[in-house]
Amino acid sequence: MSTTIRGSNTSKNKTIAMYLLTGSLIILFMMVFGVLMLLAQGKMMDIDPGFFYEIMTVHGTGMIGAAALSAVAVMWYFLSKYVQLSKIILITNLITFIIGVVMVLVGIFVFDFAGAWTFLYPLPAISAGGWSMTGAALYLGGMLILGIGFLLLNLDVARGIIKQYGSLGGGLGWSIVFGKEKGYGPPAAVVASTMVAIVNTTALIAGATVLIMNLINLFIPSIMIDPMLAKNLTYAFGHIFANSIIYMGVIAVYEILATYTNRPWKANRPFLIAWNCSTLFTITIYTHHLLMDFAMPKWMIIIGQVLSYANGLPVLVVTAYGALMIVYRSGIKWDIASSFMFLSMFGWVIGVVPAIIDATIVVNHVMHNTKWVPGHFHMYMGLGATAMLFGFMYYLIKVNGKEKESSVDPISFWVYIMFFIGLCGSFLYSGKVGAPRRWAEHFQEWVSYDRMGAIFGIFIVLAVLTFIIRFWNYSRSMDFKYQDKIGSDHHVA
C-alpha cells in the first residue's frame, strides 16, 4: 500500500527555488575565486598577495554559507511533509543571509578584511595595517547576522519536531533506541533534521558568542578574550556548521531514492542508533582541528582523535549500505537526479578517508597545514554535499515535468565527477609533497600541481554553470506539484 503526498504550494516552492538559485550562484562564484587562487599559486596569473587573502577569505566563508543555504532548502522542503514549519522564518533566514553576505563582501573587498573564515582572535583587531577596523566590524557583524538567521530557522525546525513528536528525543527515535517500543522510528528526514537542529543550534550559539566577543574587543581593546577559548569556540562553530551541510543534504538521498525505487527508507533501530551517535560525535570532534595546540588539555586531544575516527562510521555506513540495498534489484531508472544522489554516497565515503587519516595526531602534526586538508574537504563537499544539492535541483526539474533532460546534462554530470576527482587528487598530492595551504605564493616544485588544479577547476565551473542554467529555466515556470509515493507507515503531517 502507498500514500500519495502532495507537497507545498507554489509560493513555498518559489521560496525554495530562490534559496537554491541564490546558493548555487554564490557557489559558482566561489568556485571562480578558487580557480583564481590556483592560477595565482601556479604563477599563471599575477595577483597581489593582499588581494589573494581577500579572495581566500570570501571563498571559504561564501562556499560554506551558500552550501548551507541550499542544504536548508533540501531539509525544509522534505521536512515540511511531516511537521509544520514557519514560512515566515524561512523567508527571514533568506533576508538575513542576503544582508549578511552584503556586509561580508563590503568588509572584504571595500575595506580589505582578509582574516580568513576563522577570524581567529586577536587577528580582526590587530591586522598590522592589513585592514581597517571598519572592515573587521562589517565582516564580523555580517557573519553574526547570517548566524542569527540560521539559528532562528534551526530553532523553528526543533519547535516543529517537538510539536509533532513530543520532544527532540522523539524525533531521534529514543523509544526505539532504548527498546521501549518495537518497529520503526520517525521518517529518516525527521531523524536527520532533529540531529541537525541540535548540532547547529550548538554551533551557532558558539559562533555568535565568539563573534560578539571579537566585536567587543574590536571597539573596546581593554576587554580581552582568552585566545584558546576563542579558538575552541570558532572551530566548534565552523566545523559543526560545515558538517551539518551534508547531514541536511542527505535527506534528499533518503527521500529521492525512496521515491525512485518505491521503497520507503525505514528508520530501523541501527539507523536510529547511528544518528544518535553522530549527534553526540559531531558536537565534540571539532578538537581534531586543535591537535597542534600544545596548550590544549591532553584528554580533549585524545577524545578528538578517537571520536573523529568513530564519527566517520555510523551514519555514513548505514546510509551508504542503505543506498545500495534500496536500489538493489529495484528496477530504478537512472537519471541525473538519482545519479547525483548515488554519487554523493561515493563522495562522502572517499572524502571521509583522508579526513580520518588527518585526524591521527602523528599525521596531523605534519599534514594539517598542507593542501591535504583542502583535498579531503573539497572531496567531502564537492563530491558529497554539493552533489546532493545539484541532484535535488535536477529532481525538482524532473518533478515539474516541463523540462526534459538534454544531451548536455549527462556530459556535464561526468565532467563534474571526473574533474572534481582530479582537483581533489591534485590537492591531496600537493599535501603529500608538503605544499602548504593558505599561502599566496608557492615554490616552483609545487606549481605544477596548482596548474593542474586550475585546469580541473575551470571545467568544474563550466559544468556547474550548466546545472544552474537548467535550474534557472525550470524556476521560471514554477508551477510544479510535488508528488511521490512512500510507504503508508510513514507519518503524514
Protein backbone atom coordinates (compact mmCIF):
# COMPACT_ATOMS: atom_id res chain seq x y z
CA MET A 1 0.00 0.00 0.00
CA SER A 2 1.24 3.53 -0.68
CA THR A 3 0.29 7.01 0.27
CA THR A 4 0.32 9.87 -2.19
CA ILE A 5 1.66 13.08 -0.76
CA ARG A 6 1.31 16.43 -2.40
CA GLY A 7 3.80 18.97 -1.36
CA SER A 8 3.73 22.61 -0.51
CA ASN A 9 2.03 25.27 -2.56
CA THR A 10 3.58 27.22 -5.41
CA SER A 11 4.51 30.12 -3.12
CA LYS A 12 6.59 27.83 -0.90
CA ASN A 13 8.16 26.21 -3.93
CA LYS A 14 9.22 29.61 -5.22
CA THR A 15 10.93 30.32 -1.92
CA ILE A 16 12.78 27.00 -2.14
CA ALA A 17 13.80 27.82 -5.72
CA MET A 18 15.07 31.23 -4.57
CA TYR A 19 17.16 29.53 -1.90
CA LEU A 20 18.66 27.15 -4.44
CA LEU A 21 19.33 29.81 -7.06
CA THR A 22 20.94 32.13 -4.53
CA GLY A 23 23.02 29.33 -3.04
CA SER A 24 24.11 27.79 -6.34
CA LEU A 25 25.07 31.14 -7.88
CA ILE A 26 27.24 32.00 -4.87
CA ILE A 27 28.79 28.52 -5.04
CA LEU A 28 29.60 29.18 -8.72
CA PHE A 29 31.29 32.50 -7.93
CA MET A 30 33.20 30.94 -5.03
CA MET A 31 34.46 28.28 -7.45
CA VAL A 32 35.65 31.03 -9.77
CA PHE A 33 37.55 32.59 -6.85
CA GLY A 34 39.03 29.17 -6.10
CA VAL A 35 40.29 28.90 -9.68
CA LEU A 36 41.81 32.39 -9.42
CA MET A 37 43.74 31.33 -6.31
CA LEU A 38 45.09 28.25 -8.10
CA LEU A 39 46.07 30.35 -11.11
CA ALA A 40 47.95 32.69 -8.80
CA GLN A 41 49.70 29.87 -6.93
CA GLY A 42 50.50 28.25 -10.26
CA LYS A 43 52.11 31.51 -11.47
CA MET A 44 49.67 31.69 -14.38
CA MET A 45 48.18 34.95 -13.11
CA ASP A 46 49.69 37.77 -11.10
CA ILE A 47 47.56 38.58 -8.05
CA ASP A 48 48.64 40.86 -5.21
CA PRO A 49 49.11 38.74 -2.06
CA GLY A 50 46.79 41.03 -0.09
CA PHE A 51 44.04 40.52 -2.64
CA PHE A 52 44.76 36.78 -2.66
CA TYR A 53 43.95 36.56 1.04
CA GLU A 54 40.77 38.56 0.49
CA ILE A 55 39.74 36.02 -2.14
CA MET A 56 40.69 33.19 0.20
CA THR A 57 38.54 34.71 2.95
CA VAL A 58 35.47 35.12 0.76
CA HIS A 59 35.98 31.68 -0.84
CA GLY A 60 35.89 29.78 2.45
CA THR A 61 33.17 31.90 4.03
CA GLY A 62 30.98 32.10 0.95
CA MET A 63 31.20 28.46 -0.06
CA ILE A 64 30.10 27.15 3.33
CA GLY A 65 27.39 29.78 3.71
CA ALA A 66 25.96 29.19 0.24
CA ALA A 67 26.05 25.40 0.57
CA ALA A 68 24.33 25.67 3.95
CA LEU A 69 21.63 27.90 2.45
CA SER A 70 20.96 25.36 -0.31
CA ALA A 71 21.02 22.47 2.16
CA VAL A 72 18.42 24.27 4.29
CA ALA A 73 16.17 24.26 1.22
CA VAL A 74 16.55 20.47 0.99
CA MET A 75 15.78 19.94 4.66
CA TRP A 76 12.84 22.37 4.75
CA TYR A 77 11.29 21.03 1.54
CA PHE A 78 11.14 17.44 2.72
CA LEU A 79 10.68 18.01 6.45
CA SER A 80 7.61 20.18 5.78
CA LYS A 81 5.87 16.98 4.65
CA TYR A 82 5.97 15.67 8.20
CA VAL A 83 5.94 18.68 10.53
CA GLN A 84 4.54 22.19 10.41
CA LEU A 85 7.25 24.78 9.71
CA SER A 86 7.09 28.55 9.55
CA LYS A 87 7.41 30.04 6.07
CA ILE A 88 7.99 33.44 7.67
CA ILE A 89 11.12 32.10 9.38
CA LEU A 90 12.24 30.55 6.08
CA ILE A 91 11.96 33.92 4.33
CA THR A 92 13.54 35.74 7.28
CA ASN A 93 16.58 33.48 7.04
CA LEU A 94 16.95 34.28 3.34
CA ILE A 95 16.71 38.02 4.03
CA THR A 96 19.26 37.94 6.85
CA PHE A 97 21.52 35.81 4.65
CA ILE A 98 21.49 38.40 1.88
CA ILE A 99 22.09 41.26 4.33
CA GLY A 100 24.95 39.37 5.95
CA VAL A 101 26.52 38.49 2.60
CA VAL A 102 26.48 42.15 1.52
CA MET A 103 28.15 43.21 4.77
CA VAL A 104 30.79 40.48 4.44
CA LEU A 105 31.53 41.40 0.82
CA VAL A 106 31.86 45.11 1.65
CA GLY A 107 34.10 44.32 4.60
CA ILE A 108 36.37 42.17 2.41
CA PHE A 109 36.51 43.96 -0.93
CA VAL A 110 35.96 47.58 0.12
CA PHE A 111 37.75 47.64 3.48
CA ASP A 112 40.26 44.83 2.74
CA PHE A 113 39.42 42.38 5.54
CA ALA A 114 41.44 39.21 4.88
CA GLY A 115 41.45 37.27 8.13
CA ALA A 116 40.06 34.03 6.62
CA TRP A 117 36.77 32.47 7.70
CA THR A 118 38.39 31.57 11.03
CA PHE A 119 38.76 35.26 12.10
CA LEU A 120 40.97 33.99 14.92
CA TYR A 121 41.28 36.34 17.87
CA PRO A 122 43.05 38.78 18.09
CA LEU A 123 43.58 38.96 14.31
CA PRO A 124 40.44 41.03 13.49
CA ALA A 125 41.61 43.84 15.77
CA ILE A 126 45.35 43.53 15.16
CA SER A 127 45.98 43.33 11.43
CA ALA A 128 49.32 45.19 11.22
CA GLY A 129 47.66 47.63 8.83
CA GLY A 130 46.23 44.92 6.60
CA TRP A 131 42.65 46.16 7.02
CA SER A 132 40.71 48.79 8.90
CA MET A 133 38.51 48.36 11.95
CA THR A 134 35.51 49.08 9.71
CA GLY A 135 36.35 46.09 7.51
CA ALA A 136 36.66 43.77 10.51
CA ALA A 137 33.42 45.09 12.03
CA LEU A 138 31.49 44.62 8.79
CA TYR A 139 32.80 41.07 8.36
CA LEU A 140 32.13 40.04 11.96
CA GLY A 141 28.76 41.81 12.02
CA GLY A 142 27.74 40.23 8.72
CA MET A 143 28.67 36.79 9.99
CA LEU A 144 26.66 37.44 13.14
CA ILE A 145 23.56 38.42 11.15
CA LEU A 146 23.97 35.33 8.96
CA GLY A 147 24.20 33.17 12.05
CA ILE A 148 21.10 34.71 13.65
CA GLY A 149 19.04 33.83 10.58
CA PHE A 150 20.26 30.22 10.54
CA LEU A 151 19.73 29.97 14.31
CA LEU A 152 16.11 31.11 14.02
CA LEU A 153 15.49 28.55 11.30
CA ASN A 154 17.01 25.69 13.30
CA LEU A 155 15.01 26.68 16.37
CA ASP A 156 11.87 26.61 14.22
CA VAL A 157 12.80 23.14 12.95
CA ALA A 158 13.23 22.00 16.56
CA ARG A 159 9.88 23.59 17.50
CA GLY A 160 8.07 21.80 14.68
CA ILE A 161 9.60 18.43 15.56
CA ILE A 162 8.83 18.81 19.27
CA LYS A 163 5.24 19.75 18.46
CA GLN A 164 4.78 16.72 16.21
CA TYR A 165 6.83 14.09 18.09
CA GLY A 166 6.70 15.33 21.67
CA SER A 167 10.42 16.01 22.11
CA LEU A 168 13.73 16.06 20.27
CA GLY A 169 14.26 12.58 21.69
CA GLY A 170 11.06 11.58 19.94
CA GLY A 171 12.47 12.97 16.70
CA LEU A 172 15.60 10.83 17.20
CA GLY A 173 13.51 7.73 17.92
CA TRP A 174 14.62 7.21 21.52
CA SER A 175 11.70 4.93 22.29
CA ILE A 176 13.03 2.54 19.62
CA VAL A 177 16.70 3.07 20.51
CA PHE A 178 16.16 2.23 24.19
CA GLY A 179 13.85 -0.70 23.46
CA LYS A 180 10.64 0.80 24.84
CA GLU A 181 8.91 0.24 21.51
CA LYS A 182 9.45 -2.04 18.55
CA GLY A 183 9.18 -1.26 14.87
CA TYR A 184 10.43 1.84 13.09
CA GLY A 185 11.10 5.37 14.21
CA PRO A 186 10.09 8.66 12.59
CA PRO A 187 10.82 9.15 8.86
CA ALA A 188 14.51 9.45 8.02
CA ALA A 189 14.04 13.11 7.09
CA VAL A 190 12.74 13.84 10.59
CA VAL A 191 15.59 11.96 12.28
CA ALA A 192 18.24 13.79 10.24
CA SER A 193 16.55 17.17 10.76
CA THR A 194 16.41 16.60 14.53
CA MET A 195 20.11 15.89 14.60
CA VAL A 196 20.84 18.99 12.51
CA ALA A 197 18.68 21.20 14.74
CA ILE A 198 20.59 20.04 17.82
CA VAL A 199 24.14 20.31 16.47
CA ASN A 200 23.55 23.50 14.50
CA THR A 201 21.96 25.31 17.42
CA THR A 202 25.04 24.38 19.46
CA ALA A 203 27.36 25.56 16.71
CA LEU A 204 25.57 28.81 16.01
CA ILE A 205 25.44 29.78 19.69
CA ALA A 206 29.19 29.13 19.94
CA GLY A 207 29.76 31.17 16.78
CA ALA A 208 27.59 34.06 17.96
CA THR A 209 29.45 34.09 21.28
CA VAL A 210 32.91 34.37 19.74
CA LEU A 211 31.74 36.89 17.14
CA ILE A 212 30.26 39.15 19.81
CA MET A 213 33.41 38.78 21.90
CA ASN A 214 35.53 39.78 18.90
CA LEU A 215 33.29 42.77 18.15
CA ILE A 216 33.53 43.96 21.76
CA ASN A 217 37.32 43.62 21.69
CA LEU A 218 37.41 45.47 18.38
CA PHE A 219 35.77 48.56 19.85
CA ILE A 220 36.98 48.20 23.46
CA PRO A 221 40.51 46.72 23.25
CA SER A 222 40.85 46.63 27.03
CA ILE A 223 38.24 43.85 27.14
CA MET A 224 40.26 40.83 26.06
CA ILE A 225 39.44 37.17 25.38
CA ASP A 226 41.33 34.04 26.27
CA PRO A 227 42.80 33.10 22.86
CA MET A 228 42.42 29.35 23.43
CA LEU A 229 38.76 29.75 24.40
CA ALA A 230 38.18 31.91 21.31
CA LYS A 231 39.80 29.29 19.07
CA ASN A 232 37.71 26.49 20.59
CA LEU A 233 34.51 28.44 20.05
CA THR A 234 35.49 29.36 16.50
CA TYR A 235 36.26 25.82 15.42
CA ALA A 236 33.27 24.39 17.28
CA PHE A 237 31.15 26.76 15.23
CA GLY A 238 32.90 26.25 11.90
CA HIS A 239 33.39 22.50 11.99
CA ILE A 240 29.89 21.64 13.20
CA PHE A 241 28.16 24.09 10.88
CA ALA A 242 30.12 22.89 7.82
CA ASN A 243 29.45 19.24 8.64
CA SER A 244 25.74 19.88 9.09
CA ILE A 245 25.53 20.65 5.36
CA ILE A 246 25.93 17.02 4.38
CA TYR A 247 23.52 15.92 7.12
CA MET A 248 20.88 18.23 5.68
CA GLY A 249 21.72 17.23 2.12
CA VAL A 250 21.48 13.50 2.83
CA ILE A 251 17.76 13.97 3.47
CA ALA A 252 17.46 14.28 -0.31
CA VAL A 253 19.16 10.89 -0.66
CA TYR A 254 16.67 9.30 1.71
CA GLU A 255 13.62 10.85 0.09
CA ILE A 256 14.58 10.80 -3.59
CA LEU A 257 15.96 7.25 -3.75
CA ALA A 258 12.88 6.05 -1.85
CA THR A 259 10.70 7.77 -4.44
CA TYR A 260 12.61 6.40 -7.44
CA THR A 261 12.62 2.83 -6.13
CA ASN A 262 9.17 3.00 -4.49
CA ARG A 263 10.84 1.57 -1.40
CA PRO A 264 10.47 3.64 1.79
CA TRP A 265 13.68 4.29 3.68
CA LYS A 266 12.67 2.92 7.08
CA ALA A 267 14.31 4.20 10.26
CA ASN A 268 15.11 0.89 11.97
CA ARG A 269 16.98 0.63 15.26
CA PRO A 270 20.56 0.53 13.81
CA PHE A 271 19.71 3.57 11.70
CA LEU A 272 18.44 5.47 14.75
CA ILE A 273 21.42 4.46 16.90
CA ALA A 274 23.77 5.68 14.17
CA TRP A 275 22.11 9.10 14.01
CA ASN A 276 22.09 9.41 17.81
CA CYS A 277 25.81 8.62 17.91
CA SER A 278 26.58 11.17 15.22
CA THR A 279 24.59 13.79 17.11
CA LEU A 280 26.97 13.42 20.05
CA PHE A 281 30.14 12.93 18.00
CA THR A 282 29.59 15.87 15.66
CA ILE A 283 29.40 18.28 18.59
CA THR A 284 32.61 17.01 20.20
CA ILE A 285 35.07 16.17 17.41
CA TYR A 286 35.99 19.72 16.37
CA THR A 287 39.06 19.36 18.63
CA HIS A 288 40.86 17.46 15.87
CA HIS A 289 41.46 20.94 14.42
CA LEU A 290 43.40 21.78 17.58
CA LEU A 291 45.75 18.79 17.69
CA MET A 292 48.74 21.08 17.08
CA ASP A 293 47.88 23.32 20.04
CA PHE A 294 50.09 22.07 22.86
CA ALA A 295 48.15 24.19 25.38
CA MET A 296 45.01 22.11 24.88
CA PRO A 297 44.22 19.60 27.64
CA LYS A 298 45.54 16.20 26.62
CA TRP A 299 42.22 14.45 27.34
CA MET A 300 40.44 16.74 24.84
CA ILE A 301 43.03 15.95 22.17
CA ILE A 302 42.66 12.20 22.73
CA ILE A 303 38.87 12.41 22.65
CA GLY A 304 39.11 14.50 19.47
CA GLN A 305 41.12 11.79 17.74
CA VAL A 306 39.07 8.81 18.99
CA LEU A 307 35.69 10.33 18.23
CA SER A 308 36.88 11.64 14.86
CA TYR A 309 37.54 8.03 13.92
CA ALA A 310 34.16 6.97 15.27
CA ASN A 311 32.17 9.79 13.68
CA GLY A 312 33.11 8.72 10.18
CA LEU A 313 31.27 5.44 10.54
CA PRO A 314 27.72 5.32 11.98
CA VAL A 315 25.59 7.48 9.70
CA LEU A 316 27.88 7.00 6.72
CA VAL A 317 27.77 3.20 6.97
CA VAL A 318 24.01 2.89 7.43
CA THR A 319 23.36 5.46 4.70
CA ALA A 320 25.80 4.06 2.14
CA TYR A 321 24.66 0.50 2.85
CA GLY A 322 21.03 1.59 2.78
CA ALA A 323 21.53 3.33 -0.56
CA LEU A 324 22.98 0.14 -2.02
CA MET A 325 20.17 -2.00 -0.64
CA ILE A 326 17.35 0.31 -1.65
CA VAL A 327 18.43 0.34 -5.31
CA TYR A 328 19.42 -3.33 -5.47
CA ARG A 329 17.07 -5.09 -7.91
CA SER A 330 14.66 -2.18 -7.66
CA GLY A 331 14.45 -1.58 -11.39
CA ILE A 332 15.36 2.05 -10.79
CA LYS A 333 15.51 4.23 -13.89
CA TRP A 334 18.66 6.28 -13.57
CA ASP A 335 18.66 9.95 -14.47
CA ILE A 336 20.78 12.92 -13.42
CA ALA A 337 18.96 13.42 -10.11
CA SER A 338 19.26 9.81 -8.95
CA SER A 339 22.82 9.59 -10.29
CA PHE A 340 23.83 12.62 -8.23
CA MET A 341 22.27 11.04 -5.16
CA PHE A 342 24.25 7.85 -5.65
CA LEU A 343 27.44 9.79 -6.49
CA SER A 344 27.11 11.68 -3.23
CA MET A 345 27.46 8.42 -1.29
CA PHE A 346 30.71 7.71 -3.13
CA GLY A 347 31.97 11.24 -2.44
CA TRP A 348 31.04 11.00 1.23
CA VAL A 349 32.80 7.64 1.65
CA ILE A 350 36.07 8.56 -0.05
CA GLY A 351 36.06 12.07 1.44
CA VAL A 352 35.98 10.68 4.96
CA VAL A 353 39.11 8.54 4.42
CA PRO A 354 41.70 11.36 4.17
CA ALA A 355 39.83 13.19 6.95
CA ILE A 356 40.28 10.24 9.31
CA ILE A 357 43.94 9.99 8.32
CA ASP A 358 44.44 13.67 9.11
CA ALA A 359 42.69 13.25 12.47
CA THR A 360 45.53 10.94 13.58
CA ILE A 361 47.74 13.02 15.88
CA VAL A 362 51.12 11.97 14.46
CA VAL A 363 49.88 12.59 10.90
CA ASN A 364 48.10 15.81 11.81
CA HIS A 365 51.30 17.38 13.12
CA VAL A 366 52.80 17.04 9.64
CA MET A 367 49.84 17.28 7.26
CA HIS A 368 47.22 19.58 8.79
CA ASN A 369 48.68 22.82 7.47
CA THR A 370 49.19 21.41 3.98
CA LYS A 371 46.86 21.11 1.00
CA TRP A 372 45.89 17.67 2.24
CA VAL A 373 43.12 19.30 4.26
CA PRO A 374 41.55 21.23 1.33
CA GLY A 375 41.86 17.96 -0.60
CA HIS A 376 39.72 15.96 1.80
CA PHE A 377 37.31 18.83 2.39
CA HIS A 378 36.72 19.52 -1.31
CA MET A 379 36.16 15.80 -1.86
CA TYR A 380 33.72 15.62 1.04
CA MET A 381 31.88 18.77 -0.01
CA GLY A 382 32.18 18.72 -3.81
CA LEU A 383 31.51 15.02 -4.41
CA GLY A 384 29.35 14.60 -1.32
CA ALA A 385 27.33 17.57 -0.09
CA THR A 386 27.05 19.70 -3.23
CA ALA A 387 26.33 16.60 -5.32
CA MET A 388 23.26 16.16 -3.12
CA LEU A 389 22.29 19.78 -3.73
CA PHE A 390 22.67 19.61 -7.51
CA GLY A 391 20.79 16.30 -7.53
CA PHE A 392 17.95 17.94 -5.61
CA MET A 393 17.83 20.73 -8.19
CA TYR A 394 17.53 18.19 -11.01
CA TYR A 395 14.90 16.33 -9.00
CA LEU A 396 12.74 19.44 -8.85
CA ILE A 397 13.17 19.83 -12.61
CA LYS A 398 12.01 16.22 -13.01
CA VAL A 399 9.02 16.72 -10.72
CA ASN A 400 8.00 19.76 -12.71
CA GLY A 401 7.81 17.63 -15.84
CA LYS A 402 8.17 20.57 -18.20
CA GLU A 403 11.95 20.40 -18.53
CA LYS A 404 13.35 17.27 -20.15
CA GLU A 405 16.93 16.08 -19.83
CA SER A 406 19.13 17.16 -22.71
CA SER A 407 22.30 15.64 -24.12
CA VAL A 408 24.27 18.30 -22.23
CA ASP A 409 23.15 17.02 -18.83
CA PRO A 410 24.99 13.67 -18.74
CA ILE A 411 28.08 15.29 -20.26
CA SER A 412 28.08 17.96 -17.57
CA PHE A 413 27.48 15.32 -14.92
CA TRP A 414 30.51 13.26 -15.93
CA VAL A 415 32.69 16.32 -16.43
CA TYR A 416 31.81 17.41 -12.91
CA ILE A 417 32.66 13.99 -11.44
CA MET A 418 35.90 13.33 -13.28
CA PHE A 419 37.37 16.80 -12.96
CA PHE A 420 36.36 17.10 -9.31
CA ILE A 421 38.17 13.85 -8.58
CA GLY A 422 41.16 15.30 -10.44
CA LEU A 423 41.00 18.55 -8.43
CA CYS A 424 40.87 16.72 -5.11
CA GLY A 425 43.68 14.43 -6.21
CA SER A 426 45.88 17.42 -7.05
CA PHE A 427 45.21 18.87 -3.58
CA LEU A 428 45.91 15.61 -1.77
CA TYR A 429 49.14 15.01 -3.67
CA SER A 430 50.21 18.60 -3.07
CA GLY A 431 49.71 17.98 0.63
CA LYS A 432 51.64 14.74 0.40
CA VAL A 433 54.68 16.58 -1.00
CA GLY A 434 54.35 19.35 1.58
CA ALA A 435 52.61 22.20 -0.25
CA PRO A 436 51.14 24.48 2.44
CA ARG A 437 47.60 25.72 2.42
CA ARG A 438 46.81 29.42 2.81
CA TRP A 439 49.98 30.58 1.06
CA ALA A 440 49.62 33.15 -1.69
CA GLU A 441 52.88 32.10 -3.35
CA HIS A 442 54.26 28.60 -3.87
CA PHE A 443 57.73 27.30 -4.52
CA GLN A 444 58.41 26.06 -8.02
CA GLU A 445 58.19 22.37 -7.07
CA TRP A 446 54.53 22.83 -6.11
CA VAL A 447 53.48 24.91 -9.11
CA SER A 448 52.66 22.04 -11.49
CA TYR A 449 50.03 20.67 -9.09
CA ASP A 450 48.46 24.14 -8.77
CA ARG A 451 48.24 24.40 -12.54
CA MET A 452 46.58 21.02 -12.84
CA GLY A 453 44.11 22.03 -10.16
CA ALA A 454 43.32 25.26 -12.00
CA ILE A 455 42.56 23.37 -15.22
CA PHE A 456 40.33 20.91 -13.38
CA GLY A 457 38.61 23.84 -11.67
CA ILE A 458 37.78 25.59 -14.95
CA PHE A 459 35.93 22.53 -16.25
CA ILE A 460 34.10 22.16 -12.93
CA VAL A 461 32.92 25.77 -13.19
CA LEU A 462 31.61 25.13 -16.71
CA ALA A 463 29.72 22.03 -15.56
CA VAL A 464 28.15 23.84 -12.60
CA LEU A 465 27.16 26.71 -14.90
CA THR A 466 25.12 24.26 -16.99
CA PHE A 467 23.42 22.91 -13.83
CA ILE A 468 22.41 26.43 -12.82
CA ILE A 469 21.17 27.37 -16.29
CA ARG A 470 18.99 24.26 -16.35
CA PHE A 471 17.55 25.08 -12.92
CA TRP A 472 17.03 28.72 -13.90
CA ASN A 473 14.98 27.61 -16.91
CA TYR A 474 12.90 25.42 -14.64
CA SER A 475 12.42 28.06 -11.95
CA ARG A 476 10.83 30.46 -14.42
CA SER A 477 7.84 28.13 -14.77
CA MET A 478 7.49 27.30 -11.07
CA ASP A 479 4.17 25.54 -11.47
CA PHE A 480 5.18 22.11 -10.30
CA LYS A 481 3.30 19.97 -7.84
CA TYR A 482 5.44 17.76 -5.67
CA GLN A 483 4.07 14.24 -5.67
CA ASP A 484 5.67 10.97 -4.70
CA LYS A 485 4.75 7.66 -3.13
CA ILE A 486 6.11 6.43 0.12
CA GLY A 487 5.16 3.65 2.44
CA SER A 488 1.89 4.19 4.25
CA ASP A 489 3.62 3.51 7.56
CA HIS A 490 5.26 6.92 7.32
CA HIS A 491 3.55 9.66 9.25
CA VAL A 492 2.00 12.41 7.15
CA ALA A 493 1.58 15.77 8.81
